[in-house]
């Protein structure tokens, strides 16, 4: 049986401010990319001069400023890949 996907909201304003709700965790970040765990999937944001300006895991909300080039959803496979890289 497929796990129910948690609802989330994503808003991108002029490619410079991304707000996301419904996140479980921040998996990684640097000035070129941010990866959020959404439960059953991951959300990868790539760009330049990215900065996480808001992060609340209690409310599941985050904000990212900078130049956003791409927003990509990936099923749970990417989370395993990131964790396996850390523990090799």
Foldseek 3Di string as FASTA:
>chain_A
DDDDFFDKDWDQDPQFKIKIAQFQAWLDDDQAWTWTHNPQKIKIWGDGRKDWPDDDNVRRMTMIGDHTDDIDIGGPPVVVVSVVVVVD
